[in-house]
Amino acid sequence: MSTTQAQDLVFVSVTEATRLLGYKDRRTVYKLIHRGQVKARKVNDGQYRINLASLKAFAGEEV
């Protein structure tokens, strides 16, 4: 498995994504999810997990 493929399998919580992006409010991250600006999955407990590579791409970082 390549590094890129491995990074595609890493997910973070909405709270962690909020912190990584430097936002103060989780609602902003939910807006990004609903607009399709970051890739996310809804897990069994109804919470979202955001794809870390997608989050980094949104933030303009090299993955």
Protein backbone atom coordinates (compact mmCIF):
# COMPACT_ATOMS: atom_id res chain seq x y z
CA MET A 1 0.00 0.00 0.00
CA SER A 2 1.41 3.39 -0.96
CA THR A 3 1.59 6.37 1.37
CA THR A 4 -1.20 8.12 -0.54
CA GLN A 5 -3.47 5.09 -0.20
CA ALA A 6 -2.71 4.87 3.51
CA GLN A 7 -3.53 8.55 3.99
CA ASP A 8 -6.85 8.04 2.24
CA LEU A 9 -7.77 5.65 5.06
CA VAL A 10 -7.08 8.11 7.89
CA PHE A 11 -10.12 9.90 9.31
CA VAL A 12 -10.50 12.52 12.05
CA SER A 13 -13.47 13.68 14.09
CA VAL A 14 -15.28 16.96 13.49
CA THR A 15 -13.74 18.29 16.70
CA GLU A 16 -10.23 17.36 15.55
CA ALA A 17 -10.85 18.85 12.08
CA THR A 18 -12.05 22.07 13.72
CA ARG A 19 -8.82 22.23 15.72
CA LEU A 20 -6.58 21.38 12.76
CA LEU A 21 -8.15 24.11 10.63
CA GLY A 22 -7.93 26.64 13.44
CA TYR A 23 -11.69 27.22 13.56
CA LYS A 24 -13.53 28.09 16.76
CA ASP A 25 -16.87 26.54 15.85
CA ARG A 26 -17.60 22.98 14.69
CA ARG A 27 -20.55 24.24 12.62
CA THR A 28 -18.08 25.57 10.07
CA VAL A 29 -16.72 22.05 9.54
CA TYR A 30 -20.26 20.67 9.18
CA LYS A 31 -20.86 23.28 6.47
CA LEU A 32 -17.74 22.09 4.64
CA ILE A 33 -19.04 18.53 4.80
CA HIS A 34 -22.52 19.40 3.55
CA ARG A 35 -21.10 21.53 0.71
CA GLY A 36 -18.85 18.66 -0.35
CA GLN A 37 -15.68 20.65 0.23
CA VAL A 38 -14.20 17.86 2.35
CA LYS A 39 -14.83 14.13 2.14
CA ALA A 40 -16.53 12.64 5.18
CA ARG A 41 -18.36 9.51 6.26
CA LYS A 42 -21.10 9.08 8.78
CA VAL A 43 -20.24 6.29 11.21
CA ASN A 44 -22.50 4.03 13.26
CA ASP A 45 -22.97 6.48 16.10
CA GLY A 46 -24.25 9.13 13.65
CA GLN A 47 -21.12 11.25 13.86
CA TYR A 48 -18.98 12.27 10.92
CA ARG A 49 -15.38 11.31 10.33
CA ILE A 50 -13.47 13.50 7.88
CA ASN A 51 -10.88 12.12 5.50
CA LEU A 52 -7.54 13.63 6.58
CA ALA A 53 -6.14 13.83 3.03
CA SER A 54 -9.27 15.71 1.92
CA LEU A 55 -8.95 18.05 4.89
CA LYS A 56 -5.30 18.76 4.09
CA ALA A 57 -6.18 19.38 0.42
CA PHE A 58 -8.86 21.84 1.49
CA ALA A 59 -6.37 23.61 3.75
CA GLY A 60 -3.87 23.79 0.88
CA GLU A 61 -1.28 21.51 2.45
CA GLU A 62 0.74 18.98 0.52
CA VAL A 63 -0.38 15.47 1.32
